[in-house]
Amino acid sequence: MEWDQINYFQTVAKVQHFTQAAKQLSISQPALSRSIAKLEDELGVQLFDRKGRNIYLNRYGKMFLDRVEQSIKQIEIGKQEIWDEIHPDHGTISLSFLPSLGISVVPEILSAYHKKHANVKFQLHQASNRVIVDQLKSRKIDLALIMLHDEEKEIKWLPFLTEELFVIVSISHPLAGFDEIDLNMIKNEPFISFKDVNELQTIINDLCHKAGFSPNVVFEGEDIGTVSGLVGAKLGVSLVPDIQFLDKRKVKLIRVKNPISKRQIGVAWLRDSYISPAVEQFIQFIHQLFQLK
């Protein structure tokens, strides 16, 4: 059963005249008659009673027309729903981001965007970097705010924010009296690391390697808050970005002179996939917002 057959049937059912219906549809009458006959063959029943040149929708035709009109109505609703979803000023964007960005970065972006595009809706998700990459690849989300340390051929990534990484120690630690140090000054310290699923740990490992040592890992945490808490409890040192929820009554952040320590955050989406106008507009907004800073 083809869409043209459904469209032809609906027109003939309303006009109940093949010649007039053919004119409305801009096809020949024989072609229209063949299409209706083929449809009736597929359904296994006649839809019209024929008396001379006149045709009348029978009870089977009326049953089928009712379903056809319901289906067409649902298709129109579906078209409208899709239009609403992708329209730049009325669409919905599914966005996943690192938990550490939920303190200030994401609220700042969404607040600024909402002032200009109040009708755009967001579905927000938080997860680890690796989980978010999987979400993108499986098309569960439209966009992500993540680090992308290793090249991912399937993902397009546009950096917009560079965060400095600081050595973090408890306020009673001997290094707490320093405002800046070389990273190799912590080579013999017990180190609080992130689990392997955290992309930040990959960056930390590379920085420690540049400084000529491997961190002496004693604990592993899943997020910056946990790692900071362990450092504050005098269980080791770590390397983290300066984010708002760090309890600076218990920990001291020390700038790293060498090597330069930082991480880049970017907006990411699946390469070669459909990007709705709403999503495209939001990507451009993020880029422009941070260019101005």
Protein backbone atom coordinates (compact mmCIF):
# COMPACT_ATOMS: atom_id res chain seq x y z
CA MET A 1 0.00 0.00 0.00
CA GLU A 2 1.48 3.32 -1.12
CA TRP A 3 0.87 6.88 0.02
CA ASP A 4 -0.45 7.86 -3.41
CA GLN A 5 -3.10 5.13 -3.15
CA ILE A 6 -4.26 6.52 0.19
CA ASN A 7 -4.36 10.07 -1.16
CA TYR A 8 -6.21 8.98 -4.31
CA PHE A 9 -8.75 6.98 -2.29
CA GLN A 10 -9.48 9.91 0.04
CA THR A 11 -10.10 12.24 -2.92
CA VAL A 12 -12.36 9.78 -4.76
CA ALA A 13 -14.25 9.05 -1.53
CA LYS A 14 -14.98 12.75 -1.05
CA VAL A 15 -15.86 13.51 -4.70
CA GLN A 16 -17.40 10.09 -5.49
CA HIS A 17 -16.62 10.66 -9.15
CA PHE A 18 -13.55 9.34 -10.94
CA THR A 19 -13.36 12.03 -13.64
CA GLN A 20 -13.61 14.92 -11.18
CA ALA A 21 -11.19 13.26 -8.78
CA ALA A 22 -8.66 12.67 -11.58
CA LYS A 23 -8.80 16.36 -12.50
CA GLN A 24 -8.22 17.40 -8.90
CA LEU A 25 -5.28 15.00 -8.62
CA SER A 26 -3.87 15.95 -12.07
CA ILE A 27 -3.66 12.35 -13.23
CA SER A 28 -5.48 10.44 -15.93
CA GLN A 29 -8.77 8.72 -15.10
CA PRO A 30 -7.50 5.24 -16.17
CA ALA A 31 -4.45 5.64 -13.86
CA LEU A 32 -6.73 6.63 -10.97
CA SER A 33 -9.07 3.70 -11.63
CA ARG A 34 -6.12 1.27 -11.68
CA SER A 35 -4.79 2.68 -8.40
CA ILE A 36 -8.16 2.26 -6.64
CA ALA A 37 -8.57 -1.25 -8.07
CA LYS A 38 -5.11 -2.21 -6.81
CA LEU A 39 -5.97 -0.84 -3.36
CA GLU A 40 -9.18 -2.87 -3.28
CA ASP A 41 -7.23 -5.98 -4.32
CA GLU A 42 -4.77 -5.44 -1.44
CA LEU A 43 -7.63 -5.00 1.05
CA GLY A 44 -9.58 -7.91 -0.41
CA VAL A 45 -12.83 -5.96 -0.58
CA GLN A 46 -14.55 -3.38 -2.76
CA LEU A 47 -14.64 0.11 -1.29
CA PHE A 48 -17.10 1.58 -3.77
CA ASP A 49 -20.38 0.43 -5.23
CA ARG A 50 -20.59 1.23 -8.93
CA LYS A 51 -23.82 2.04 -10.71
CA GLY A 52 -23.19 3.09 -14.28
CA ARG A 53 -20.91 6.09 -14.24
CA ASN A 54 -21.67 6.85 -10.62
CA ILE A 55 -19.78 5.46 -7.63
CA TYR A 56 -20.79 5.35 -3.98
CA LEU A 57 -18.69 4.72 -0.93
CA ASN A 58 -19.98 1.48 0.62
CA ARG A 59 -19.78 0.53 4.31
CA TYR A 60 -16.31 -0.96 3.88
CA GLY A 61 -15.18 2.19 2.15
CA LYS A 62 -16.62 4.30 4.96
CA MET A 63 -14.78 2.17 7.54
CA PHE A 64 -11.51 2.55 5.64
CA LEU A 65 -12.02 6.28 5.01
CA ASP A 66 -12.49 6.86 8.74
CA ARG A 67 -9.12 5.20 9.46
CA VAL A 68 -7.45 6.99 6.57
CA GLU A 69 -8.57 10.38 7.85
CA GLN A 70 -7.44 9.52 11.39
CA SER A 71 -4.05 8.46 10.01
CA ILE A 72 -3.65 11.62 7.93
CA LYS A 73 -4.57 13.70 10.98
CA GLN A 74 -1.92 11.90 13.05
CA ILE A 75 0.65 12.48 10.31
CA GLU A 76 -0.15 16.19 10.31
CA ILE A 77 0.17 16.26 14.10
CA GLY A 78 3.50 14.46 13.76
CA LYS A 79 4.71 17.02 11.22
CA GLN A 80 3.72 19.83 13.58
CA GLU A 81 5.43 18.15 16.54
CA ILE A 82 8.64 17.76 14.56
CA TRP A 83 8.45 21.37 13.43
CA ASP A 84 8.00 22.46 17.04
CA GLU A 85 10.96 20.32 18.12
CA ILE A 86 13.42 21.66 15.56
CA HIS A 87 12.28 25.28 15.25
CA PRO A 88 15.07 27.58 16.48
CA ASP A 89 12.77 29.49 18.80
CA HIS A 90 10.47 26.66 19.93
CA GLY A 91 12.55 23.50 19.77
CA THR A 92 13.80 21.06 22.40
CA ILE A 93 17.51 20.38 22.96
CA SER A 94 18.81 17.32 24.78
CA LEU A 95 22.05 18.38 26.50
CA SER A 96 24.45 16.29 28.60
CA PHE A 97 27.34 17.76 30.58
CA LEU A 98 30.00 17.03 33.18
CA PRO A 99 28.77 17.36 36.79
CA SER A 100 31.45 19.98 37.56
CA LEU A 101 29.91 22.22 34.87
CA GLY A 102 26.53 22.17 36.58
CA ILE A 103 27.66 24.55 39.32
CA SER A 104 28.12 27.68 37.24
CA VAL A 105 29.03 27.10 33.57
CA VAL A 106 25.82 25.42 32.43
CA PRO A 107 23.49 27.69 34.48
CA GLU A 108 25.32 30.72 33.06
CA ILE A 109 24.91 29.50 29.48
CA LEU A 110 21.25 28.54 29.87
CA SER A 111 20.34 31.75 31.69
CA ALA A 112 21.88 33.89 28.95
CA TYR A 113 20.26 31.80 26.20
CA HIS A 114 16.84 31.83 27.84
CA LYS A 115 16.80 35.62 27.81
CA LYS A 116 16.86 35.56 24.01
CA HIS A 117 15.02 32.30 23.33
CA ALA A 118 12.51 31.83 26.14
CA ASN A 119 10.46 29.16 24.34
CA VAL A 120 13.32 26.71 23.74
CA LYS A 121 13.17 23.72 26.09
CA PHE A 122 16.11 21.71 27.42
CA GLN A 123 16.37 18.11 28.54
CA LEU A 124 19.40 18.09 30.83
CA HIS A 125 21.60 15.13 31.80
CA GLN A 126 24.78 14.80 33.86
CA ALA A 127 27.30 11.97 33.48
CA SER A 128 30.98 11.14 33.24
CA ASN A 129 32.87 12.11 30.10
CA ARG A 130 32.96 8.56 28.77
CA VAL A 131 29.26 7.95 29.39
CA ILE A 132 28.40 11.20 27.61
CA VAL A 133 30.47 10.19 24.58
CA ASP A 134 28.49 6.93 24.47
CA GLN A 135 25.24 8.91 24.72
CA LEU A 136 26.27 10.95 21.68
CA LYS A 137 27.25 7.90 19.66
CA SER A 138 23.95 6.16 20.46
CA ARG A 139 22.03 9.35 19.56
CA LYS A 140 20.42 9.60 23.01
CA ILE A 141 21.35 13.29 23.21
CA ASP A 142 21.80 16.18 20.77
CA LEU A 143 24.74 17.97 22.36
CA ALA A 144 27.36 17.55 25.08
CA LEU A 145 29.67 19.79 27.07
CA ILE A 146 32.76 17.65 27.63
CA MET A 147 36.51 17.27 27.41
CA LEU A 148 37.76 15.39 24.38
CA HIS A 149 41.32 14.34 25.13
CA ASP A 150 41.49 11.50 22.60
CA GLU A 151 40.38 11.99 19.02
CA GLU A 152 36.91 10.62 18.34
CA LYS A 153 36.31 10.41 14.60
CA GLU A 154 32.55 10.18 15.05
CA ILE A 155 32.32 13.33 17.15
CA LYS A 156 32.65 16.97 16.21
CA TRP A 157 34.06 19.03 19.09
CA LEU A 158 34.33 22.81 19.35
CA PRO A 159 36.32 24.06 22.40
CA PHE A 160 34.94 27.14 24.11
CA LEU A 161 36.38 27.15 27.63
CA THR A 162 39.88 26.58 29.06
CA GLU A 163 40.10 25.80 32.77
CA GLU A 164 43.36 26.00 34.70
CA LEU A 165 44.18 22.97 36.86
CA PHE A 166 45.55 23.54 40.35
CA VAL A 167 47.36 21.30 42.80
CA ILE A 168 45.02 20.93 45.74
CA VAL A 169 46.25 20.18 49.28
CA SER A 170 44.77 20.37 52.77
CA ILE A 171 45.22 23.73 54.48
CA SER A 172 47.60 22.13 57.02
CA HIS A 173 49.81 20.53 54.34
CA PRO A 174 53.43 21.79 54.13
CA LEU A 175 52.81 22.91 50.53
CA ALA A 176 49.86 25.07 51.58
CA GLY A 177 52.26 27.94 52.18
CA PHE A 178 53.07 28.11 48.44
CA ASP A 179 51.05 30.06 45.88
CA GLU A 180 52.67 28.26 42.93
CA ILE A 181 54.87 25.20 42.47
CA ASP A 182 56.32 22.92 39.83
CA LEU A 183 54.20 19.80 39.48
CA ASN A 184 57.11 17.48 40.31
CA MET A 185 57.06 18.83 43.88
CA ILE A 186 54.16 16.42 44.58
CA LYS A 187 55.82 13.35 43.06
CA ASN A 188 56.28 11.69 46.47
CA GLU A 189 52.89 12.70 47.84
CA PRO A 190 49.96 10.26 48.18
CA PHE A 191 47.67 11.15 45.28
CA ILE A 192 43.88 11.19 45.12
CA SER A 193 43.02 10.34 41.53
CA PHE A 194 39.87 10.00 39.48
CA LYS A 195 38.59 6.67 38.26
CA ASP A 196 39.62 5.66 34.76
CA VAL A 197 36.18 6.55 33.39
CA ASN A 198 36.98 10.20 34.11
CA GLU A 199 38.69 11.96 31.22
CA LEU A 200 40.30 14.39 33.68
CA GLN A 201 42.47 11.57 35.01
CA THR A 202 43.88 11.00 31.53
CA ILE A 203 44.94 14.66 31.42
CA ILE A 204 46.44 14.41 34.92
CA ASN A 205 48.43 11.31 33.98
CA ASP A 206 49.84 13.10 30.94
CA LEU A 207 50.82 16.16 33.02
CA CYS A 208 52.53 14.00 35.65
CA HIS A 209 54.37 12.16 32.88
CA LYS A 210 55.62 15.51 31.52
CA ALA A 211 56.78 16.38 35.03
CA GLY A 212 58.77 13.13 35.17
CA PHE A 213 56.76 10.94 37.53
CA SER A 214 53.73 8.69 37.92
CA PRO A 215 51.28 9.67 40.66
CA ASN A 216 51.30 7.52 43.81
CA VAL A 217 47.58 6.78 43.83
CA VAL A 218 46.08 5.91 47.22
CA PHE A 219 42.40 6.68 46.57
CA GLU A 220 40.18 7.03 43.50
CA GLY A 221 37.10 9.23 43.38
CA GLU A 222 34.41 9.58 40.73
CA ASP A 223 34.01 13.36 40.87
CA ILE A 224 35.77 16.56 41.88
CA GLY A 225 33.68 16.96 45.03
CA THR A 226 34.70 13.54 46.37
CA VAL A 227 38.37 14.07 45.49
CA SER A 228 38.33 17.49 47.17
CA GLY A 229 36.75 16.01 50.28
CA LEU A 230 39.46 13.34 50.54
CA VAL A 231 42.15 15.98 50.11
CA GLY A 232 40.54 18.11 52.81
CA ALA A 233 40.62 15.08 55.09
CA LYS A 234 44.44 15.03 54.70
CA LEU A 235 44.46 11.77 52.75
CA GLY A 236 46.50 13.04 49.82
CA VAL A 237 46.83 15.70 47.13
CA SER A 238 45.27 16.05 43.71
CA LEU A 239 44.92 18.21 40.60
CA VAL A 240 41.57 19.89 39.92
CA PRO A 241 39.98 22.95 38.27
CA ASP A 242 38.88 25.82 40.50
CA ILE A 243 35.14 25.32 40.82
CA GLN A 244 32.72 26.96 43.21
CA PHE A 245 31.89 24.07 45.51
CA LEU A 246 35.48 23.48 46.64
CA ASP A 247 35.61 24.07 50.39
CA LYS A 248 38.51 26.49 50.66
CA ARG A 249 38.31 26.42 54.44
CA LYS A 250 39.78 22.93 54.19
CA VAL A 251 41.83 22.95 51.00
CA LYS A 252 44.38 25.22 49.31
CA LEU A 253 44.66 25.60 45.54
CA ILE A 254 48.21 26.08 44.27
CA ARG A 255 49.01 27.28 40.73
CA VAL A 256 51.26 24.97 38.68
CA LYS A 257 54.18 26.78 37.03
CA ASN A 258 55.47 23.81 35.07
CA PRO A 259 54.10 22.11 33.07
CA ILE A 260 51.19 24.39 32.15
CA SER A 261 48.17 22.58 33.57
CA LYS A 262 44.74 23.04 32.05
CA ARG A 263 41.77 21.27 30.54
CA GLN A 264 39.57 22.35 27.65
CA ILE A 265 35.81 22.07 27.64
CA GLY A 266 34.00 22.01 24.33
CA VAL A 267 30.56 21.54 22.87
CA ALA A 268 30.28 18.22 21.04
CA TRP A 269 27.83 16.59 18.66
CA LEU A 270 27.76 13.55 16.42
CA ARG A 271 29.53 14.16 13.14
CA ASP A 272 27.53 13.58 9.93
CA SER A 273 24.23 13.41 11.82
CA TYR A 274 21.19 15.68 11.45
CA ILE A 275 21.47 18.87 13.50
CA SER A 276 18.17 20.66 14.01
CA PRO A 277 17.98 24.45 13.59
CA ALA A 278 17.41 24.76 17.36
CA VAL A 279 20.58 22.79 18.13
CA GLU A 280 22.59 24.64 15.47
CA GLN A 281 21.52 27.99 16.89
CA PHE A 282 22.51 26.92 20.42
CA ILE A 283 25.98 25.82 19.27
CA GLN A 284 26.53 29.21 17.64
CA PHE A 285 25.30 30.96 20.78
CA ILE A 286 27.80 29.13 23.03
CA HIS A 287 30.64 29.95 20.66
CA GLN A 288 29.71 33.65 20.53
CA LEU A 289 29.10 33.87 24.29
CA PHE A 290 32.59 32.71 25.19
CA GLN A 291 34.30 34.58 22.36
CA LEU A 292 33.19 37.80 24.01
CA LYS A 293 34.90 36.91 27.31
